[in-house]
Every structure is written in C-alpha cells, then in structure tokens.
Amino acid sequence: MQFKKLIWMMAAGLLAASLSSCNIGKAPEPTQDVNAIYTAAAGTTIAQFSDQMTQTAQAVSPTPAGSPTPLATFTSLPTFSLAPAGTTTSGGTPFVFNTPAGTALPTLSTGGTGSTSSTASGCSDSAYVDQTVTDGTTFAANKKFTVGFQLNNTGTCAWGAGYSFVFVSGDQMGGTNIVITKADAETQPGQSNSFILKLQAPSSSGDHKGFWRMKDPKGNFFGSLVYIDIHVK
C-alpha cells in the first residue's frame, strides 16, 4: 500500500517538472498602457461620427435660397405753386405765401364779401370798418330799411365839403348819394365816419347787391368799395 502511494507521488512530481519546463525561457507578457487604449478608442469613435455626419449631409438635399422681395415704390407728391403775395380769397380775407421779409403788404378792406383793396386818389383814401346789415339778410318785397357803413379816413386829407359817398353799380334800392357840405364836420385822417342809407328792398325775389364808394371833390373815386347784399323773399 505504501509502495503504491510512493509511485503516485513520483508521478505527480514528474508531471509538475514537465509543465514547468515548458514555460522556461519564455518572455513575460508586456503590460498595456491604459492611456494608449483610451486614445485609440477615442480616435475610432471620432472617425465613426465623422462618417455618419458625411452620410447625413449627402442624404439631405440643399434648400435653394429664396428670391429677394423688391421694395415698394413710393410716388412723389404733387408740387403746388404758391399764390402771389397779396392774393385775397372770395371773402376779402388776405392770405400771403412766400413773401420776402420786410415786404410791405397791401392795405385790404376788412368789409363784407367781395370788398376790394383800398386805393388812394391823391391824399384821399378810406378803409371799410363795419356795417349795420349783415350780408344775406332776408327782407320782404318793397320793405324799407336803413344800412349804415362805417369808413375810416386812411388818407392824409380831411373829408370836408365836396366829398361824398355815392352809388357805383348793382341794385341802388332807392338809395341816394350822401354829399358832405360846409355845415358838416370834417372827418380828419385817422378818424372814422358813418354814412346812413335809406333803402327799399326790390319787388322781385332773389339776391340783390348794390356797390357804394367814396368820391373826392374832383370826382375821383377812392378807398374801399363796399356793398349791401340782401335776399328778397
């Protein structure tokens, strides 16, 4: 029994010696660098990602750039010519455009619609101030009424004997000229005077207008041309 045990032990020792002899002289396996492994893995990943991006770019069709939208075209505003200095409206109210600085404006009457600019005759001139009957007032046919015109002496001569306030044109309506006599007080420059007309509305219906103006002793008209404008119903 001991003899068999001895034989088994010898066989095991021979087997161990045989296995050991196979590894004698063999170089040990080198230890791998961990950083090198990471670097290689990262390079592989980048290369794969680059390939995927290239394939995606080839698969998507480029979108053409849109055409630029043209800007809207604006039409120039019309140019209006300026009215000459001293132009008046139909109502006699002055309006002046583009008047050079220092240019004197003409003297305009401030009377009713249609009154004209004051015009002197020598040293005589007048300007409308006011009147007692409003333009367009309605009267019955043949109705008697009075109207007063207040005028200012804008000349350098006094309105004395021989000056008059007279009918010029249109519907006289029964009015008579007013002549200043020696018994009347003179109207000095800068003063005003009122001339009262006794009138009668025409018998025909509609609008009626009569024009009146001052006249000097030599028979020359001067100053504002004023009027009475009524409607007969």
C-alpha atoms as a PDB file:
ATOM      1  CA  MET A   1       0.000   0.000   0.000  1.00  0.00           C
ATOM      2  CA  GLN A   2       2.783   2.380   0.860  1.00  0.00           C
ATOM      3  CA  PHE A   3       4.543   1.350  -2.265  1.00  0.00           C
ATOM      4  CA  LYS A   4       1.620   2.470  -4.484  1.00  0.00           C
ATOM      5  CA  LYS A   5       1.405   5.787  -2.683  1.00  0.00           C
ATOM      6  CA  LEU A   6       5.061   6.419  -3.339  1.00  0.00           C
ATOM      7  CA  ILE A   7       4.621   5.687  -7.040  1.00  0.00           C
ATOM      8  CA  TRP A   8       1.742   8.255  -7.292  1.00  0.00           C
ATOM      9  CA  MET A   9       3.803  10.931  -5.602  1.00  0.00           C
ATOM     10  CA  MET A  10       6.702  10.383  -8.003  1.00  0.00           C
ATOM     11  CA  ALA A  11       4.373  10.568 -10.995  1.00  0.00           C
ATOM     12  CA  ALA A  12       2.905  13.855  -9.772  1.00  0.00           C
ATOM     13  CA  GLY A  13       6.382  15.319  -9.295  1.00  0.00           C
ATOM     14  CA  LEU A  14       7.439  14.288 -12.821  1.00  0.00           C
ATOM     15  CA  LEU A  15       4.260  15.900 -14.253  1.00  0.00           C
ATOM     16  CA  ALA A  16       4.920  19.103 -12.396  1.00  0.00           C
ATOM     17  CA  ALA A  17       8.507  19.214 -13.572  1.00  0.00           C
ATOM     18  CA  SER A  18       7.358  18.628 -17.152  1.00  0.00           C
ATOM     19  CA  LEU A  19       4.880  21.515 -17.064  1.00  0.00           C
ATOM     20  CA  SER A  20       7.428  23.863 -15.540  1.00  0.00           C
ATOM     21  CA  SER A  21       9.974  23.042 -18.238  1.00  0.00           C
ATOM     22  CA  CYS A  22       7.517  24.202 -20.947  1.00  0.00           C
ATOM     23  CA  ASN A  23       7.497  27.879 -19.608  1.00  0.00           C
ATOM     24  CA  ILE A  24      11.267  28.096 -19.051  1.00  0.00           C
ATOM     25  CA  GLY A  25      12.878  30.832 -21.253  1.00  0.00           C
ATOM     26  CA  LYS A  26       9.514  32.436 -22.365  1.00  0.00           C
ATOM     27  CA  ALA A  27       9.463  36.325 -22.099  1.00  0.00           C
ATOM     28  CA  PRO A  28       6.760  37.720 -19.777  1.00  0.00           C
ATOM     29  CA  GLU A  29       3.675  39.371 -21.398  1.00  0.00           C
ATOM     30  CA  PRO A  30       4.086  43.201 -21.619  1.00  0.00           C
ATOM     31  CA  THR A  31       1.738  45.386 -19.563  1.00  0.00           C
ATOM     32  CA  GLN A  32      -0.609  47.543 -21.847  1.00  0.00           C
ATOM     33  CA  ASP A  33      -0.687  51.392 -21.443  1.00  0.00           C
ATOM     34  CA  VAL A  34      -4.162  52.484 -20.294  1.00  0.00           C
ATOM     35  CA  ASN A  35      -3.800  55.972 -21.929  1.00  0.00           C
ATOM     36  CA  ALA A  36      -2.949  54.413 -25.250  1.00  0.00           C
ATOM     37  CA  ILE A  37      -6.092  52.270 -25.044  1.00  0.00           C
ATOM     38  CA  TYR A  38      -8.256  55.394 -24.372  1.00  0.00           C
ATOM     39  CA  THR A  39      -6.614  57.324 -27.210  1.00  0.00           C
ATOM     40  CA  ALA A  40      -7.217  54.524 -29.703  1.00  0.00           C
ATOM     41  CA  ALA A  41     -10.865  54.199 -28.629  1.00  0.00           C
ATOM     42  CA  ALA A  42     -11.450  57.953 -28.944  1.00  0.00           C
ATOM     43  CA  GLY A  43      -9.917  58.027 -32.425  1.00  0.00           C
ATOM     44  CA  THR A  44     -12.203  55.222 -33.551  1.00  0.00           C
ATOM     45  CA  THR A  45     -15.290  56.988 -32.169  1.00  0.00           C
ATOM     46  CA  ILE A  46     -14.427  60.311 -33.898  1.00  0.00           C
ATOM     47  CA  ALA A  47     -13.849  58.550 -37.186  1.00  0.00           C
ATOM     48  CA  GLN A  48     -17.233  56.778 -36.958  1.00  0.00           C
ATOM     49  CA  PHE A  49     -19.038  60.061 -36.040  1.00  0.00           C
ATOM     50  CA  SER A  50     -17.380  61.872 -38.973  1.00  0.00           C
ATOM     51  CA  ASP A  51     -18.554  59.131 -41.356  1.00  0.00           C
ATOM     52  CA  GLN A  52     -22.127  59.445 -40.037  1.00  0.00           C
ATOM     53  CA  MET A  53     -22.144  63.260 -40.486  1.00  0.00           C
ATOM     54  CA  THR A  54     -20.852  62.961 -44.046  1.00  0.00           C
ATOM     55  CA  GLN A  55     -23.556  60.433 -44.917  1.00  0.00           C
ATOM     56  CA  THR A  56     -26.283  62.644 -43.365  1.00  0.00           C
ATOM     57  CA  ALA A  57     -25.099  65.700 -45.301  1.00  0.00           C
ATOM     58  CA  GLN A  58     -25.197  63.735 -48.558  1.00  0.00           C
ATOM     59  CA  ALA A  59     -28.698  62.449 -47.799  1.00  0.00           C
ATOM     60  CA  VAL A  60     -30.275  65.966 -47.216  1.00  0.00           C
ATOM     61  CA  SER A  61     -30.904  67.984 -50.395  1.00  0.00           C
ATOM     62  CA  PRO A  62     -29.722  71.614 -50.199  1.00  0.00           C
ATOM     63  CA  THR A  63     -32.564  74.179 -49.977  1.00  0.00           C
ATOM     64  CA  PRO A  64     -32.304  76.877 -52.667  1.00  0.00           C
ATOM     65  CA  ALA A  65     -32.093  80.469 -51.392  1.00  0.00           C
ATOM     66  CA  GLY A  66     -35.310  82.448 -51.767  1.00  0.00           C
ATOM     67  CA  SER A  67     -35.537  85.351 -54.243  1.00  0.00           C
ATOM     68  CA  PRO A  68     -35.201  88.801 -52.599  1.00  0.00           C
ATOM     69  CA  THR A  69     -38.506  90.674 -52.179  1.00  0.00           C
ATOM     70  CA  PRO A  70     -38.451  94.002 -54.082  1.00  0.00           C
ATOM     71  CA  LEU A  71     -39.030  97.156 -52.019  1.00  0.00           C
ATOM     72  CA  ALA A  72     -42.237  99.137 -52.501  1.00  0.00           C
ATOM     73  CA  THR A  73     -42.024 102.142 -54.858  1.00  0.00           C
ATOM     74  CA  PHE A  74     -43.388 105.427 -53.494  1.00  0.00           C
ATOM     75  CA  THR A  75     -44.994 108.020 -55.764  1.00  0.00           C
ATOM     76  CA  SER A  76     -43.827 111.589 -55.296  1.00  0.00           C
ATOM     77  CA  LEU A  77     -46.425 114.051 -54.010  1.00  0.00           C
ATOM     78  CA  PRO A  78     -47.534 116.775 -56.436  1.00  0.00           C
ATOM     79  CA  THR A  79     -45.956 120.190 -56.056  1.00  0.00           C
ATOM     80  CA  PHE A  80     -48.381 123.058 -55.710  1.00  0.00           C
ATOM     81  CA  SER A  81     -47.473 126.542 -56.914  1.00  0.00           C
ATOM     82  CA  LEU A  82     -47.577 129.322 -54.357  1.00  0.00           C
ATOM     83  CA  ALA A  83     -50.074 132.151 -54.663  1.00  0.00           C
ATOM     84  CA  PRO A  84     -48.591 135.617 -55.317  1.00  0.00           C
ATOM     85  CA  ALA A  85     -48.282 137.994 -52.411  1.00  0.00           C
ATOM     86  CA  GLY A  86     -51.449 139.946 -51.662  1.00  0.00           C
ATOM     87  CA  THR A  87     -53.867 137.390 -53.152  1.00  0.00           C
ATOM     88  CA  THR A  88     -57.271 137.508 -51.468  1.00  0.00           C
ATOM     89  CA  THR A  89     -59.999 134.951 -51.003  1.00  0.00           C
ATOM     90  CA  SER A  90     -63.528 135.498 -52.306  1.00  0.00           C
ATOM     91  CA  GLY A  91     -64.388 136.791 -48.834  1.00  0.00           C
ATOM     92  CA  GLY A  92     -61.774 139.531 -48.974  1.00  0.00           C
ATOM     93  CA  THR A  93     -59.581 137.863 -46.302  1.00  0.00           C
ATOM     94  CA  PRO A  94     -55.925 138.202 -47.346  1.00  0.00           C
ATOM     95  CA  PHE A  95     -53.525 135.297 -47.464  1.00  0.00           C
ATOM     96  CA  VAL A  96     -49.899 135.640 -48.476  1.00  0.00           C
ATOM     97  CA  PHE A  97     -47.350 132.947 -49.279  1.00  0.00           C
ATOM     98  CA  ASN A  98     -43.607 133.208 -49.778  1.00  0.00           C
ATOM     99  CA  THR A  99     -43.446 136.938 -49.046  1.00  0.00           C
ATOM    100  CA  PRO A 100     -39.836 138.137 -48.569  1.00  0.00           C
ATOM    101  CA  ALA A 101     -39.003 139.544 -45.162  1.00  0.00           C
ATOM    102  CA  GLY A 102     -39.567 143.262 -44.904  1.00  0.00           C
ATOM    103  CA  THR A 103     -42.015 143.403 -47.848  1.00  0.00           C
ATOM    104  CA  ALA A 104     -44.934 145.709 -47.084  1.00  0.00           C
ATOM    105  CA  LEU A 105     -48.341 144.088 -47.589  1.00  0.00           C
ATOM    106  CA  PRO A 106     -51.123 145.996 -49.378  1.00  0.00           C
ATOM    107  CA  THR A 107     -53.875 147.539 -47.273  1.00  0.00           C
ATOM    108  CA  LEU A 108     -57.048 145.481 -47.676  1.00  0.00           C
ATOM    109  CA  SER A 109     -60.574 146.365 -46.700  1.00  0.00           C
ATOM    110  CA  THR A 110     -61.993 144.312 -43.862  1.00  0.00           C
ATOM    111  CA  GLY A 111     -65.539 144.647 -45.164  1.00  0.00           C
ATOM    112  CA  GLY A 112     -68.099 142.167 -46.352  1.00  0.00           C
ATOM    113  CA  THR A 113     -67.712 139.549 -49.036  1.00  0.00           C
ATOM    114  CA  GLY A 114     -66.420 140.981 -52.291  1.00  0.00           C
ATOM    115  CA  SER A 115     -64.971 144.242 -50.968  1.00  0.00           C
ATOM    116  CA  THR A 116     -61.805 145.293 -52.757  1.00  0.00           C
ATOM    117  CA  SER A 117     -58.420 146.599 -51.662  1.00  0.00           C
ATOM    118  CA  SER A 118     -58.192 150.259 -50.685  1.00  0.00           C
ATOM    119  CA  THR A 119     -56.956 152.564 -53.400  1.00  0.00           C
ATOM    120  CA  ALA A 120     -55.948 156.145 -52.722  1.00  0.00           C
ATOM    121  CA  SER A 121     -56.628 159.070 -55.005  1.00  0.00           C
ATOM    122  CA  GLY A 122     -54.042 161.688 -54.231  1.00  0.00           C
ATOM    123  CA  CYS A 123     -54.183 162.313 -50.497  1.00  0.00           C
ATOM    124  CA  SER A 124     -57.617 160.711 -50.109  1.00  0.00           C
ATOM    125  CA  ASP A 125     -58.170 157.131 -49.025  1.00  0.00           C
ATOM    126  CA  SER A 126     -60.640 155.101 -46.944  1.00  0.00           C
ATOM    127  CA  ALA A 127     -60.945 151.680 -45.350  1.00  0.00           C
ATOM    128  CA  TYR A 128     -64.086 149.697 -44.514  1.00  0.00           C
ATOM    129  CA  VAL A 129     -64.733 149.205 -40.782  1.00  0.00           C
ATOM    130  CA  ASP A 130     -68.256 147.853 -40.313  1.00  0.00           C
ATOM    131  CA  GLN A 131     -71.886 147.927 -41.461  1.00  0.00           C
ATOM    132  CA  THR A 132     -75.272 147.528 -39.767  1.00  0.00           C
ATOM    133  CA  VAL A 133     -76.956 144.988 -42.095  1.00  0.00           C
ATOM    134  CA  THR A 134     -75.381 141.539 -42.386  1.00  0.00           C
ATOM    135  CA  ASP A 135     -74.826 140.139 -45.873  1.00  0.00           C
ATOM    136  CA  GLY A 136     -77.640 137.806 -46.937  1.00  0.00           C
ATOM    137  CA  THR A 137     -80.274 139.319 -44.666  1.00  0.00           C
ATOM    138  CA  THR A 138     -83.799 138.477 -45.925  1.00  0.00           C
ATOM    139  CA  PHE A 139     -86.412 141.210 -46.473  1.00  0.00           C
ATOM    140  CA  ALA A 140     -89.941 141.114 -47.794  1.00  0.00           C
ATOM    141  CA  ALA A 141     -90.509 142.681 -51.190  1.00  0.00           C
ATOM    142  CA  ASN A 142     -90.598 146.528 -51.118  1.00  0.00           C
ATOM    143  CA  LYS A 143     -89.576 146.527 -47.429  1.00  0.00           C
ATOM    144  CA  LYS A 144     -87.954 149.837 -46.366  1.00  0.00           C
ATOM    145  CA  PHE A 145     -84.806 149.635 -44.239  1.00  0.00           C
ATOM    146  CA  THR A 146     -81.635 151.568 -43.436  1.00  0.00           C
ATOM    147  CA  VAL A 147     -77.996 150.485 -43.552  1.00  0.00           C
ATOM    148  CA  GLY A 148     -75.003 152.320 -42.140  1.00  0.00           C
ATOM    149  CA  PHE A 149     -71.432 151.963 -43.445  1.00  0.00           C
ATOM    150  CA  GLN A 150     -68.572 152.984 -41.159  1.00  0.00           C
ATOM    151  CA  LEU A 151     -65.427 154.058 -43.025  1.00  0.00           C
ATOM    152  CA  ASN A 152     -62.042 155.134 -41.670  1.00  0.00           C
ATOM    153  CA  ASN A 153     -60.086 158.019 -43.214  1.00  0.00           C
ATOM    154  CA  THR A 154     -56.758 156.364 -44.050  1.00  0.00           C
ATOM    155  CA  GLY A 155     -55.525 159.215 -46.256  1.00  0.00           C
ATOM    156  CA  THR A 156     -53.764 162.447 -45.350  1.00  0.00           C
ATOM    157  CA  CYS A 157     -56.591 164.841 -46.330  1.00  0.00           C
ATOM    158  CA  ALA A 158     -59.675 165.614 -44.285  1.00  0.00           C
ATOM    159  CA  TRP A 159     -63.067 164.696 -45.735  1.00  0.00           C
ATOM    160  CA  GLY A 160     -64.686 168.096 -45.909  1.00  0.00           C
ATOM    161  CA  ALA A 161     -67.128 169.924 -48.164  1.00  0.00           C
ATOM    162  CA  GLY A 162     -67.409 168.361 -51.595  1.00  0.00           C
ATOM    163  CA  TYR A 163     -66.554 164.804 -50.531  1.00  0.00           C
ATOM    164  CA  SER A 164     -69.359 162.271 -51.000  1.00  0.00           C
ATOM    165  CA  PHE A 165     -70.434 158.660 -50.505  1.00  0.00           C
ATOM    166  CA  VAL A 166     -72.060 157.591 -53.781  1.00  0.00           C
ATOM    167  CA  PHE A 167     -73.687 154.671 -55.600  1.00  0.00           C
ATOM    168  CA  VAL A 168     -71.396 152.846 -58.055  1.00  0.00           C
ATOM    169  CA  SER A 169     -73.211 149.833 -59.523  1.00  0.00           C
ATOM    170  CA  GLY A 170     -75.679 146.979 -58.910  1.00  0.00           C
ATOM    171  CA  ASP A 171     -79.071 147.493 -57.200  1.00  0.00           C
ATOM    172  CA  GLN A 172     -79.371 151.014 -55.830  1.00  0.00           C
ATOM    173  CA  MET A 173     -82.564 150.085 -53.938  1.00  0.00           C
ATOM    174  CA  GLY A 174     -83.782 153.701 -53.838  1.00  0.00           C
ATOM    175  CA  GLY A 175     -80.680 154.968 -52.054  1.00  0.00           C
ATOM    176  CA  THR A 176     -79.364 158.490 -52.691  1.00  0.00           C
ATOM    177  CA  ASN A 177     -75.812 159.817 -52.641  1.00  0.00           C
ATOM    178  CA  ILE A 178     -74.603 161.465 -49.436  1.00  0.00           C
ATOM    179  CA  VAL A 179     -72.695 164.708 -50.014  1.00  0.00           C
ATOM    180  CA  ILE A 180     -70.657 166.406 -47.273  1.00  0.00           C
ATOM    181  CA  THR A 181     -71.366 170.149 -47.008  1.00  0.00           C
ATOM    182  CA  LYS A 182     -69.682 173.042 -45.229  1.00  0.00           C
ATOM    183  CA  ALA A 183     -72.151 172.605 -42.376  1.00  0.00           C
ATOM    184  CA  ASP A 184     -70.956 169.073 -41.738  1.00  0.00           C
ATOM    185  CA  ALA A 185     -67.973 168.341 -39.536  1.00  0.00           C
ATOM    186  CA  GLU A 186     -64.839 167.243 -41.349  1.00  0.00           C
ATOM    187  CA  THR A 187     -63.506 163.712 -40.915  1.00  0.00           C
ATOM    188  CA  GLN A 188     -59.809 164.065 -40.140  1.00  0.00           C
ATOM    189  CA  PRO A 189     -57.151 161.465 -41.112  1.00  0.00           C
ATOM    190  CA  GLY A 190     -57.309 158.571 -38.666  1.00  0.00           C
ATOM    191  CA  GLN A 191     -60.953 159.294 -37.783  1.00  0.00           C
ATOM    192  CA  SER A 192     -63.998 157.351 -38.977  1.00  0.00           C
ATOM    193  CA  ASN A 193     -67.442 158.399 -40.189  1.00  0.00           C
ATOM    194  CA  SER A 194     -70.737 156.556 -40.723  1.00  0.00           C
ATOM    195  CA  PHE A 195     -72.840 157.027 -43.836  1.00  0.00           C
ATOM    196  CA  ILE A 196     -76.538 156.072 -43.415  1.00  0.00           C
ATOM    197  CA  LEU A 197     -78.500 154.978 -46.496  1.00  0.00           C
ATOM    198  CA  LYS A 198     -82.288 154.773 -46.601  1.00  0.00           C
ATOM    199  CA  LEU A 199     -83.146 151.871 -48.878  1.00  0.00           C
ATOM    200  CA  GLN A 200     -86.110 149.822 -50.055  1.00  0.00           C
ATOM    201  CA  ALA A 201     -85.974 146.121 -50.951  1.00  0.00           C
ATOM    202  CA  PRO A 202     -86.737 145.387 -54.626  1.00  0.00           C
ATOM    203  CA  SER A 203     -90.117 143.933 -55.579  1.00  0.00           C
ATOM    204  CA  SER A 204     -88.562 140.909 -57.290  1.00  0.00           C
ATOM    205  CA  SER A 205     -87.482 137.923 -55.198  1.00  0.00           C
ATOM    206  CA  GLY A 206     -83.889 136.706 -55.083  1.00  0.00           C
ATOM    207  CA  ASP A 207     -80.499 138.177 -54.185  1.00  0.00           C
ATOM    208  CA  HIS A 208     -79.776 141.884 -54.688  1.00  0.00           C
ATOM    209  CA  LYS A 209     -76.499 143.740 -54.222  1.00  0.00           C
ATOM    210  CA  GLY A 210     -75.524 147.383 -54.562  1.00  0.00           C
ATOM    211  CA  PHE A 211     -71.992 148.864 -54.506  1.00  0.00           C
ATOM    212  CA  TRP A 212     -71.022 152.219 -52.944  1.00  0.00           C
ATOM    213  CA  ARG A 213     -67.776 154.191 -52.638  1.00  0.00           C
ATOM    214  CA  MET A 214     -66.217 157.487 -51.559  1.00  0.00           C
ATOM    215  CA  LYS A 215     -65.529 160.278 -54.093  1.00  0.00           C
ATOM    216  CA  ASP A 216     -63.379 163.404 -53.737  1.00  0.00           C
ATOM    217  CA  PRO A 217     -64.439 166.917 -54.795  1.00  0.00           C
ATOM    218  CA  LYS A 218     -62.760 166.446 -58.200  1.00  0.00           C
ATOM    219  CA  GLY A 219     -64.960 163.400 -58.934  1.00  0.00           C
ATOM    220  CA  ASN A 220     -62.280 160.731 -58.303  1.00  0.00           C
ATOM    221  CA  PHE A 221     -63.314 157.524 -56.528  1.00  0.00           C
ATOM    222  CA  PHE A 222     -61.055 156.355 -53.723  1.00  0.00           C
ATOM    223  CA  GLY A 223     -60.894 153.854 -50.891  1.00  0.00           C
ATOM    224  CA  SER A 224     -62.825 150.660 -50.216  1.00  0.00           C
ATOM    225  CA  LEU A 225     -65.656 149.563 -52.488  1.00  0.00           C
ATOM    226  CA  VAL A 226     -68.441 148.459 -50.131  1.00  0.00           C
ATOM    227  CA  TYR A 227     -71.872 146.954 -50.767  1.00  0.00           C
ATOM    228  CA  ILE A 228     -75.236 145.975 -49.352  1.00  0.00           C
ATOM    229  CA  ASP A 229     -76.263 142.385 -50.133  1.00  0.00           C
ATOM    230  CA  ILE A 230     -79.799 141.223 -49.277  1.00  0.00           C
ATOM    231  CA  HIS A 231     -82.239 138.435 -50.177  1.00  0.00           C
ATOM    232  CA  VAL A 232     -85.856 139.246 -51.079  1.00  0.00           C
ATOM    233  CA  LYS A 233     -88.416 136.562 -50.280  1.00  0.00           C
END
